[in-house]
Amino acid sequence: MLSAAFGVGDVARLKKSHPCGSSLWLITRVGMDIGLKCQGCGHYVLLPRNKFLKAAKAIEKPVEK
């Protein structure tokens, strides 16, 4: 289970990959539901927070310029 803090703009690596082959998702919304956009094909999904916390393997902070 994920214990790190996360926010909009972070990239989440999920345990299972999307059918397009990517396992990286951009976090676009944080609240009771977590909005995710696939980094491979651009598909957008809303997951309840508890399902997201179980499915997430790691949170990768974006590189700041």
N, C-alpha and C. Protein backbone atom coordinates (compact mmCIF):
# COMPACT_ATOMS: atom_id res chain seq x y z
N MET A 1 0.84 -1.18 0.00
CA MET A 1 0.00 0.00 0.00
C MET A 1 0.88 1.24 0.00
N LEU A 2 0.43 2.27 -0.69
CA LEU A 2 1.17 3.50 -0.86
C LEU A 2 1.09 4.36 0.39
N SER A 3 2.22 4.92 0.81
CA SER A 3 2.20 5.78 1.99
C SER A 3 2.72 7.18 1.69
N ALA A 4 3.23 7.42 0.48
CA ALA A 4 3.77 8.73 0.15
C ALA A 4 2.67 9.71 -0.20
N ALA A 5 2.94 10.98 0.03
CA ALA A 5 1.98 12.02 -0.34
C ALA A 5 2.04 12.23 -1.85
N PHE A 6 0.92 12.59 -2.42
CA PHE A 6 0.87 12.81 -3.87
C PHE A 6 -0.06 13.98 -4.15
N GLY A 7 0.11 14.57 -5.32
CA GLY A 7 -0.71 15.71 -5.70
C GLY A 7 -0.85 15.80 -7.20
N VAL A 8 -1.58 16.80 -7.64
CA VAL A 8 -1.79 17.01 -9.07
C VAL A 8 -0.45 17.29 -9.75
N GLY A 9 -0.21 16.63 -10.86
CA GLY A 9 1.03 16.81 -11.60
C GLY A 9 2.06 15.73 -11.34
N ASP A 10 1.86 14.92 -10.30
CA ASP A 10 2.77 13.81 -10.04
C ASP A 10 2.44 12.65 -10.98
N VAL A 11 3.39 11.75 -11.14
CA VAL A 11 3.20 10.57 -11.98
C VAL A 11 3.15 9.35 -11.07
N ALA A 12 2.10 8.54 -11.23
CA ALA A 12 1.95 7.32 -10.42
C ALA A 12 2.29 6.10 -11.27
N ARG A 13 3.01 5.17 -10.68
CA ARG A 13 3.29 3.89 -11.33
C ARG A 13 2.37 2.87 -10.66
N LEU A 14 1.47 2.27 -11.45
CA LEU A 14 0.51 1.32 -10.92
C LEU A 14 1.04 -0.10 -11.04
N LYS A 15 0.50 -1.01 -10.22
CA LYS A 15 0.95 -2.40 -10.21
C LYS A 15 0.65 -3.11 -11.53
N LYS A 16 -0.55 -2.86 -12.07
CA LYS A 16 -0.93 -3.47 -13.35
C LYS A 16 -0.77 -2.44 -14.46
N SER A 17 -0.34 -2.90 -15.62
CA SER A 17 -0.20 -1.97 -16.73
C SER A 17 -1.52 -1.84 -17.49
N HIS A 18 -1.67 -0.73 -18.17
CA HIS A 18 -2.84 -0.46 -19.01
C HIS A 18 -2.73 -1.35 -20.26
N PRO A 19 -3.83 -1.67 -20.92
CA PRO A 19 -3.75 -2.49 -22.15
C PRO A 19 -2.82 -1.92 -23.22
N CYS A 20 -2.57 -0.61 -23.21
CA CYS A 20 -1.65 -0.03 -24.19
C CYS A 20 -0.19 -0.36 -23.86
N GLY A 21 0.06 -0.87 -22.63
CA GLY A 21 1.41 -1.27 -22.25
C GLY A 21 2.07 -0.36 -21.23
N SER A 22 1.50 0.81 -20.99
CA SER A 22 2.10 1.77 -20.05
C SER A 22 1.58 1.52 -18.64
N SER A 23 2.45 1.71 -17.66
CA SER A 23 2.02 1.60 -16.26
C SER A 23 2.18 2.94 -15.55
N LEU A 24 2.46 4.02 -16.31
CA LEU A 24 2.61 5.36 -15.75
C LEU A 24 1.36 6.18 -16.00
N TRP A 25 0.88 6.84 -14.95
CA TRP A 25 -0.34 7.65 -15.02
C TRP A 25 -0.08 9.01 -14.41
N LEU A 26 -0.53 10.08 -15.08
CA LEU A 26 -0.43 11.43 -14.58
C LEU A 26 -1.63 11.71 -13.69
N ILE A 27 -1.40 12.21 -12.48
CA ILE A 27 -2.49 12.54 -11.56
C ILE A 27 -3.02 13.92 -11.94
N THR A 28 -4.31 13.98 -12.31
CA THR A 28 -4.91 15.23 -12.76
C THR A 28 -5.93 15.78 -11.77
N ARG A 29 -6.38 14.96 -10.83
CA ARG A 29 -7.38 15.40 -9.86
C ARG A 29 -7.15 14.64 -8.55
N VAL A 30 -7.27 15.34 -7.43
CA VAL A 30 -7.12 14.71 -6.12
C VAL A 30 -8.31 15.11 -5.26
N GLY A 31 -8.92 14.13 -4.63
CA GLY A 31 -10.08 14.35 -3.77
C GLY A 31 -10.58 12.98 -3.34
N MET A 32 -11.88 12.82 -3.26
CA MET A 32 -12.44 11.49 -2.96
C MET A 32 -12.16 10.54 -4.11
N ASP A 33 -12.13 11.08 -5.32
CA ASP A 33 -11.75 10.32 -6.51
C ASP A 33 -10.42 10.86 -7.01
N ILE A 34 -9.61 9.99 -7.59
CA ILE A 34 -8.33 10.39 -8.15
C ILE A 34 -8.45 10.32 -9.67
N GLY A 35 -8.19 11.43 -10.34
CA GLY A 35 -8.22 11.47 -11.80
C GLY A 35 -6.86 11.10 -12.34
N LEU A 36 -6.83 10.15 -13.28
CA LEU A 36 -5.57 9.67 -13.85
C LEU A 36 -5.63 9.72 -15.37
N LYS A 37 -4.51 10.11 -15.99
CA LYS A 37 -4.39 10.12 -17.44
C LYS A 37 -3.22 9.23 -17.82
N CYS A 38 -3.49 8.23 -18.67
CA CYS A 38 -2.45 7.29 -19.09
C CYS A 38 -1.38 8.03 -19.88
N GLN A 39 -0.12 7.77 -19.58
CA GLN A 39 0.98 8.41 -20.27
C GLN A 39 1.29 7.75 -21.60
N GLY A 40 0.69 6.58 -21.86
CA GLY A 40 0.90 5.89 -23.12
C GLY A 40 -0.09 6.32 -24.20
N CYS A 41 -1.39 6.26 -23.88
CA CYS A 41 -2.42 6.51 -24.89
C CYS A 41 -3.31 7.70 -24.59
N GLY A 42 -3.22 8.28 -23.38
CA GLY A 42 -4.01 9.45 -23.05
C GLY A 42 -5.38 9.15 -22.49
N HIS A 43 -5.70 7.88 -22.22
CA HIS A 43 -7.00 7.50 -21.66
C HIS A 43 -7.14 8.10 -20.26
N TYR A 44 -8.35 8.60 -19.93
CA TYR A 44 -8.60 9.24 -18.64
C TYR A 44 -9.56 8.39 -17.82
N VAL A 45 -9.24 8.17 -16.55
CA VAL A 45 -10.11 7.41 -15.65
C VAL A 45 -10.21 8.12 -14.30
N LEU A 46 -11.29 7.86 -13.60
CA LEU A 46 -11.47 8.31 -12.22
C LEU A 46 -11.52 7.07 -11.35
N LEU A 47 -10.66 7.00 -10.35
CA LEU A 47 -10.66 5.88 -9.41
C LEU A 47 -11.00 6.40 -8.02
N PRO A 48 -11.79 5.65 -7.27
CA PRO A 48 -11.98 6.01 -5.86
C PRO A 48 -10.62 5.97 -5.14
N ARG A 49 -10.45 6.83 -4.16
CA ARG A 49 -9.16 6.95 -3.47
C ARG A 49 -8.66 5.61 -2.93
N ASN A 50 -9.54 4.81 -2.31
CA ASN A 50 -9.08 3.55 -1.72
C ASN A 50 -8.58 2.57 -2.79
N LYS A 51 -9.21 2.53 -3.96
CA LYS A 51 -8.73 1.65 -5.04
C LYS A 51 -7.39 2.15 -5.59
N PHE A 52 -7.25 3.47 -5.69
CA PHE A 52 -5.98 4.02 -6.17
C PHE A 52 -4.85 3.68 -5.21
N LEU A 53 -5.08 3.82 -3.90
CA LEU A 53 -4.03 3.54 -2.92
C LEU A 53 -3.60 2.07 -2.95
N LYS A 54 -4.53 1.17 -3.25
CA LYS A 54 -4.18 -0.26 -3.36
C LYS A 54 -3.45 -0.55 -4.66
N ALA A 55 -3.79 0.16 -5.74
CA ALA A 55 -3.24 -0.13 -7.07
C ALA A 55 -1.89 0.54 -7.31
N ALA A 56 -1.58 1.61 -6.58
CA ALA A 56 -0.35 2.36 -6.82
C ALA A 56 0.86 1.65 -6.24
N LYS A 57 1.91 1.60 -7.03
CA LYS A 57 3.17 1.00 -6.60
C LYS A 57 4.13 2.08 -6.10
N ALA A 58 4.18 3.20 -6.82
CA ALA A 58 5.10 4.28 -6.45
C ALA A 58 4.59 5.60 -7.03
N ILE A 59 5.02 6.70 -6.40
CA ILE A 59 4.74 8.03 -6.91
C ILE A 59 6.07 8.64 -7.32
N GLU A 60 6.12 9.10 -8.56
CA GLU A 60 7.34 9.71 -9.07
C GLU A 60 7.09 11.20 -9.24
N LYS A 61 7.86 11.99 -8.55
CA LYS A 61 7.72 13.45 -8.63
C LYS A 61 8.28 13.92 -9.98
N PRO A 62 7.59 14.84 -10.64
CA PRO A 62 8.12 15.36 -11.91
C PRO A 62 9.38 16.20 -11.67
N VAL A 63 10.25 16.23 -12.65
CA VAL A 63 11.48 17.01 -12.54
C VAL A 63 11.13 18.47 -12.73
N GLU A 64 11.51 19.30 -11.75
CA GLU A 64 11.22 20.73 -11.83
C GLU A 64 12.35 21.44 -12.55
N LYS A 65 11.98 22.37 -13.44
CA LYS A 65 13.01 23.09 -14.21
C LYS A 65 13.23 24.47 -13.64
